[in-house]
Amino acid sequence: MLKARTLPIRRLSQLVSRLSNLNRLNRLRHLPRQRLLMKLDPDQLHARVVALEIEHRDLDEAIVRLIDLPNRDDLLLTRMKKRKLQLKDQILQLKMLLVPDIPA
């Protein structure tokens, strides 16, 4: 059985600061990301997937802790949930790149 990790306050503040950088990241969306990612080898892609999964899990824990607070910031909560969905989409895209193409 896996033990539940508790997210330290310092990690929570790091996640909050990452959310504040979302605007800067959104400006970079127009770049051809998939072409850049396809140049990476499978080991690098797998390492990126693992890193994103860890961030996704930590963000989920931070969301749960934030929901339990009596004076929570609903805007921050919404942003965190949106970031969590973005991470999930990125993870799925990278996993699709890891699956080799099967000739028809």
N, C-alpha and C. Protein backbone atom coordinates (compact mmCIF):
# COMPACT_ATOMS: atom_id res chain seq x y z
N MET A 1 0.84 -1.17 0.00
CA MET A 1 0.00 0.00 0.00
C MET A 1 0.89 1.24 0.00
N LEU A 2 0.52 2.20 -0.82
CA LEU A 2 1.29 3.43 -0.90
C LEU A 2 0.89 4.38 0.22
N LYS A 3 1.89 5.02 0.79
CA LYS A 3 1.60 6.02 1.81
C LYS A 3 1.34 7.36 1.12
N ALA A 4 0.37 8.07 1.62
CA ALA A 4 0.05 9.39 1.07
C ALA A 4 1.13 10.38 1.50
N ARG A 5 1.59 11.15 0.55
CA ARG A 5 2.58 12.17 0.86
C ARG A 5 1.86 13.45 1.26
N THR A 6 2.44 14.15 2.19
CA THR A 6 1.91 15.47 2.51
C THR A 6 2.78 16.49 1.80
N LEU A 7 2.15 17.45 1.22
CA LEU A 7 2.84 18.46 0.44
C LEU A 7 3.30 19.57 1.36
N PRO A 8 4.61 19.81 1.44
CA PRO A 8 5.08 20.88 2.32
C PRO A 8 4.63 22.25 1.82
N ILE A 9 4.53 23.18 2.74
CA ILE A 9 4.09 24.54 2.41
C ILE A 9 5.04 25.17 1.39
N ARG A 10 6.33 24.89 1.50
CA ARG A 10 7.30 25.46 0.56
C ARG A 10 7.00 24.99 -0.86
N ARG A 11 6.66 23.70 -1.01
CA ARG A 11 6.33 23.17 -2.33
C ARG A 11 5.04 23.80 -2.85
N LEU A 12 4.09 24.01 -1.96
CA LEU A 12 2.85 24.66 -2.33
C LEU A 12 3.12 26.07 -2.85
N SER A 13 4.01 26.80 -2.18
CA SER A 13 4.32 28.16 -2.64
C SER A 13 5.06 28.13 -3.98
N GLN A 14 5.87 27.09 -4.21
CA GLN A 14 6.54 26.96 -5.51
C GLN A 14 5.52 26.73 -6.61
N LEU A 15 4.53 25.90 -6.34
CA LEU A 15 3.49 25.65 -7.34
C LEU A 15 2.69 26.91 -7.63
N VAL A 16 2.43 27.69 -6.59
CA VAL A 16 1.70 28.94 -6.78
C VAL A 16 2.52 29.91 -7.63
N SER A 17 3.82 29.96 -7.41
CA SER A 17 4.65 30.86 -8.20
C SER A 17 4.73 30.39 -9.65
N ARG A 18 4.67 29.06 -9.87
CA ARG A 18 4.64 28.56 -11.25
C ARG A 18 3.38 28.99 -11.95
N LEU A 19 2.27 29.00 -11.21
CA LEU A 19 1.01 29.43 -11.81
C LEU A 19 1.06 30.88 -12.25
N SER A 20 1.81 31.69 -11.53
CA SER A 20 1.91 33.09 -11.90
C SER A 20 2.68 33.27 -13.21
N ASN A 21 3.46 32.26 -13.57
CA ASN A 21 4.22 32.32 -14.82
C ASN A 21 3.45 31.76 -16.01
N LEU A 22 2.19 31.38 -15.82
CA LEU A 22 1.42 30.80 -16.91
C LEU A 22 1.25 31.75 -18.09
N ASN A 23 1.10 33.03 -17.82
CA ASN A 23 0.94 33.99 -18.91
C ASN A 23 2.15 33.97 -19.82
N ARG A 24 3.32 33.90 -19.23
CA ARG A 24 4.54 33.86 -20.03
C ARG A 24 4.59 32.58 -20.85
N LEU A 25 4.17 31.46 -20.27
CA LEU A 25 4.17 30.20 -20.99
C LEU A 25 3.13 30.20 -22.11
N ASN A 26 1.99 30.82 -21.86
CA ASN A 26 0.94 30.85 -22.88
C ASN A 26 1.37 31.64 -24.11
N ARG A 27 2.26 32.60 -23.94
CA ARG A 27 2.76 33.35 -25.09
C ARG A 27 3.62 32.48 -26.00
N LEU A 28 4.18 31.42 -25.46
CA LEU A 28 5.05 30.54 -26.24
C LEU A 28 4.31 29.42 -26.94
N ARG A 29 2.99 29.39 -26.81
CA ARG A 29 2.20 28.31 -27.40
C ARG A 29 2.31 28.25 -28.92
N HIS A 30 2.57 29.35 -29.56
CA HIS A 30 2.58 29.37 -31.01
C HIS A 30 3.81 28.66 -31.59
N LEU A 31 4.78 28.35 -30.76
CA LEU A 31 5.96 27.66 -31.25
C LEU A 31 5.61 26.23 -31.64
N PRO A 32 6.26 25.71 -32.66
CA PRO A 32 5.99 24.32 -33.07
C PRO A 32 6.58 23.33 -32.06
N ARG A 33 5.85 23.07 -31.00
CA ARG A 33 6.37 22.24 -29.91
C ARG A 33 6.57 20.80 -30.33
N GLN A 34 5.64 20.28 -31.10
CA GLN A 34 5.73 18.86 -31.42
C GLN A 34 6.97 18.55 -32.25
N ARG A 35 7.32 19.45 -33.17
CA ARG A 35 8.55 19.24 -33.95
C ARG A 35 9.77 19.23 -33.05
N LEU A 36 9.78 20.13 -32.07
CA LEU A 36 10.91 20.17 -31.14
C LEU A 36 10.97 18.91 -30.28
N LEU A 37 9.82 18.44 -29.84
CA LEU A 37 9.78 17.26 -28.99
C LEU A 37 10.16 15.98 -29.74
N MET A 38 9.84 15.93 -31.03
CA MET A 38 10.15 14.73 -31.81
C MET A 38 11.65 14.57 -32.00
N LYS A 39 12.42 15.64 -31.85
CA LYS A 39 13.86 15.56 -31.98
C LYS A 39 14.51 14.93 -30.75
N LEU A 40 13.79 14.90 -29.64
CA LEU A 40 14.32 14.32 -28.41
C LEU A 40 14.30 12.80 -28.51
N ASP A 41 15.25 12.16 -27.84
CA ASP A 41 15.24 10.69 -27.85
C ASP A 41 14.21 10.18 -26.83
N PRO A 42 13.83 8.92 -26.94
CA PRO A 42 12.78 8.37 -26.06
C PRO A 42 13.11 8.46 -24.57
N ASP A 43 14.39 8.37 -24.22
CA ASP A 43 14.75 8.47 -22.80
C ASP A 43 14.45 9.87 -22.26
N GLN A 44 14.75 10.89 -23.07
CA GLN A 44 14.46 12.26 -22.65
C GLN A 44 12.95 12.50 -22.56
N LEU A 45 12.21 11.94 -23.52
CA LEU A 45 10.76 12.08 -23.49
C LEU A 45 10.17 11.40 -22.25
N HIS A 46 10.68 10.21 -21.94
CA HIS A 46 10.19 9.49 -20.77
C HIS A 46 10.51 10.26 -19.48
N ALA A 47 11.70 10.83 -19.42
CA ALA A 47 12.07 11.62 -18.24
C ALA A 47 11.15 12.83 -18.11
N ARG A 48 10.80 13.44 -19.22
CA ARG A 48 9.89 14.59 -19.19
C ARG A 48 8.50 14.16 -18.72
N VAL A 49 8.04 12.99 -19.19
CA VAL A 49 6.73 12.48 -18.76
C VAL A 49 6.73 12.25 -17.26
N VAL A 50 7.78 11.66 -16.74
CA VAL A 50 7.86 11.39 -15.29
C VAL A 50 7.84 12.71 -14.51
N ALA A 51 8.60 13.69 -14.99
CA ALA A 51 8.63 14.99 -14.31
C ALA A 51 7.25 15.65 -14.31
N LEU A 52 6.55 15.57 -15.44
CA LEU A 52 5.20 16.16 -15.52
C LEU A 52 4.22 15.40 -14.64
N GLU A 53 4.35 14.08 -14.56
CA GLU A 53 3.47 13.30 -13.69
C GLU A 53 3.68 13.66 -12.22
N ILE A 54 4.92 13.89 -11.84
CA ILE A 54 5.20 14.30 -10.46
C ILE A 54 4.59 15.67 -10.18
N GLU A 55 4.76 16.59 -11.12
CA GLU A 55 4.17 17.92 -10.94
C GLU A 55 2.64 17.84 -10.87
N HIS A 56 2.05 16.98 -11.70
CA HIS A 56 0.60 16.79 -11.71
C HIS A 56 0.11 16.26 -10.36
N ARG A 57 0.82 15.29 -9.81
CA ARG A 57 0.46 14.72 -8.52
C ARG A 57 0.60 15.75 -7.40
N ASP A 58 1.70 16.51 -7.44
CA ASP A 58 1.91 17.55 -6.42
C ASP A 58 0.84 18.63 -6.50
N LEU A 59 0.48 18.98 -7.71
CA LEU A 59 -0.55 19.99 -7.91
C LEU A 59 -1.90 19.48 -7.39
N ASP A 60 -2.17 18.20 -7.61
CA ASP A 60 -3.40 17.61 -7.10
C ASP A 60 -3.44 17.68 -5.57
N GLU A 61 -2.32 17.37 -4.93
CA GLU A 61 -2.26 17.45 -3.49
C GLU A 61 -2.42 18.89 -3.00
N ALA A 62 -1.84 19.83 -3.74
CA ALA A 62 -1.96 21.24 -3.36
C ALA A 62 -3.41 21.71 -3.49
N ILE A 63 -4.10 21.23 -4.52
CA ILE A 63 -5.50 21.59 -4.71
C ILE A 63 -6.34 21.06 -3.55
N VAL A 64 -6.09 19.82 -3.15
CA VAL A 64 -6.84 19.23 -2.04
C VAL A 64 -6.60 20.03 -0.76
N ARG A 65 -5.35 20.42 -0.53
CA ARG A 65 -5.05 21.20 0.68
C ARG A 65 -5.69 22.58 0.62
N LEU A 66 -5.71 23.17 -0.57
CA LEU A 66 -6.29 24.50 -0.71
C LEU A 66 -7.80 24.46 -0.52
N ILE A 67 -8.44 23.40 -0.98
CA ILE A 67 -9.89 23.27 -0.81
C ILE A 67 -10.24 23.20 0.67
N ASP A 68 -9.39 22.58 1.47
CA ASP A 68 -9.67 22.42 2.90
C ASP A 68 -9.49 23.70 3.69
N LEU A 69 -8.83 24.71 3.12
CA LEU A 69 -8.62 25.95 3.85
C LEU A 69 -9.93 26.74 3.95
N PRO A 70 -10.18 27.36 5.09
CA PRO A 70 -11.44 28.11 5.24
C PRO A 70 -11.48 29.40 4.41
N ASN A 71 -10.36 30.05 4.23
CA ASN A 71 -10.33 31.30 3.46
C ASN A 71 -9.54 31.10 2.17
N ARG A 72 -10.00 30.17 1.36
CA ARG A 72 -9.27 29.84 0.13
C ARG A 72 -9.52 30.88 -0.95
N ASP A 73 -8.58 30.95 -1.86
CA ASP A 73 -8.67 31.86 -3.00
C ASP A 73 -9.25 31.07 -4.18
N ASP A 74 -10.48 31.36 -4.55
CA ASP A 74 -11.14 30.60 -5.61
C ASP A 74 -10.49 30.81 -6.97
N LEU A 75 -9.97 32.00 -7.21
CA LEU A 75 -9.29 32.25 -8.48
C LEU A 75 -8.03 31.41 -8.58
N LEU A 76 -7.27 31.35 -7.51
CA LEU A 76 -6.07 30.52 -7.49
C LEU A 76 -6.42 29.05 -7.66
N LEU A 77 -7.49 28.62 -7.02
CA LEU A 77 -7.94 27.25 -7.14
C LEU A 77 -8.31 26.91 -8.59
N THR A 78 -8.98 27.82 -9.25
CA THR A 78 -9.35 27.63 -10.65
C THR A 78 -8.11 27.55 -11.53
N ARG A 79 -7.15 28.42 -11.29
CA ARG A 79 -5.91 28.39 -12.06
C ARG A 79 -5.14 27.10 -11.85
N MET A 80 -5.13 26.63 -10.62
CA MET A 80 -4.43 25.38 -10.33
C MET A 80 -5.10 24.20 -11.03
N LYS A 81 -6.42 24.19 -11.05
CA LYS A 81 -7.13 23.12 -11.73
C LYS A 81 -6.89 23.17 -13.24
N LYS A 82 -6.84 24.38 -13.78
CA LYS A 82 -6.57 24.54 -15.21
C LYS A 82 -5.16 24.06 -15.54
N ARG A 83 -4.21 24.40 -14.70
CA ARG A 83 -2.82 23.95 -14.91
C ARG A 83 -2.74 22.43 -14.82
N LYS A 84 -3.50 21.85 -13.91
CA LYS A 84 -3.50 20.39 -13.76
C LYS A 84 -4.01 19.73 -15.05
N LEU A 85 -5.06 20.30 -15.65
CA LEU A 85 -5.57 19.76 -16.91
C LEU A 85 -4.55 19.94 -18.04
N GLN A 86 -3.85 21.07 -18.06
CA GLN A 86 -2.81 21.28 -19.07
C GLN A 86 -1.70 20.26 -18.93
N LEU A 87 -1.32 19.97 -17.69
CA LEU A 87 -0.29 18.96 -17.47
C LEU A 87 -0.75 17.60 -17.96
N LYS A 88 -1.99 17.27 -17.69
CA LYS A 88 -2.52 15.99 -18.14
C LYS A 88 -2.49 15.89 -19.66
N ASP A 89 -2.85 16.96 -20.34
CA ASP A 89 -2.80 16.98 -21.81
C ASP A 89 -1.38 16.82 -22.31
N GLN A 90 -0.43 17.51 -21.69
CA GLN A 90 0.97 17.39 -22.10
C GLN A 90 1.48 15.97 -21.89
N ILE A 91 1.11 15.36 -20.78
CA ILE A 91 1.54 13.99 -20.50
C ILE A 91 1.01 13.05 -21.58
N LEU A 92 -0.26 13.20 -21.93
CA LEU A 92 -0.84 12.34 -22.96
C LEU A 92 -0.17 12.54 -24.31
N GLN A 93 0.13 13.79 -24.67
CA GLN A 93 0.80 14.05 -25.94
C GLN A 93 2.18 13.43 -25.98
N LEU A 94 2.92 13.55 -24.89
CA LEU A 94 4.26 12.96 -24.84
C LEU A 94 4.20 11.44 -24.87
N LYS A 95 3.23 10.86 -24.21
CA LYS A 95 3.09 9.41 -24.23
C LYS A 95 2.75 8.92 -25.64
N MET A 96 1.98 9.71 -26.37
CA MET A 96 1.67 9.35 -27.74
C MET A 96 2.91 9.40 -28.63
N LEU A 97 3.82 10.33 -28.34
CA LEU A 97 5.06 10.39 -29.10
C LEU A 97 5.97 9.20 -28.80
N LEU A 98 5.84 8.63 -27.61
CA LEU A 98 6.66 7.49 -27.24
C LEU A 98 6.22 6.20 -27.91
N VAL A 99 4.95 6.14 -28.33
CA VAL A 99 4.45 4.93 -28.99
C VAL A 99 4.90 4.97 -30.45
N PRO A 100 5.61 3.93 -30.90
CA PRO A 100 6.09 3.92 -32.28
C PRO A 100 4.94 3.81 -33.28
N ASP A 101 5.11 4.41 -34.44
CA ASP A 101 4.11 4.33 -35.49
C ASP A 101 4.09 2.90 -36.04
N ILE A 102 2.88 2.39 -36.26
CA ILE A 102 2.73 1.05 -36.82
C ILE A 102 2.30 1.22 -38.27
N PRO A 103 3.09 0.66 -39.21
CA PRO A 103 2.71 0.81 -40.61
C PRO A 103 1.37 0.10 -40.89
N ALA A 104 0.56 0.73 -41.70
CA ALA A 104 -0.76 0.17 -42.01
C ALA A 104 -0.67 -0.93 -43.03
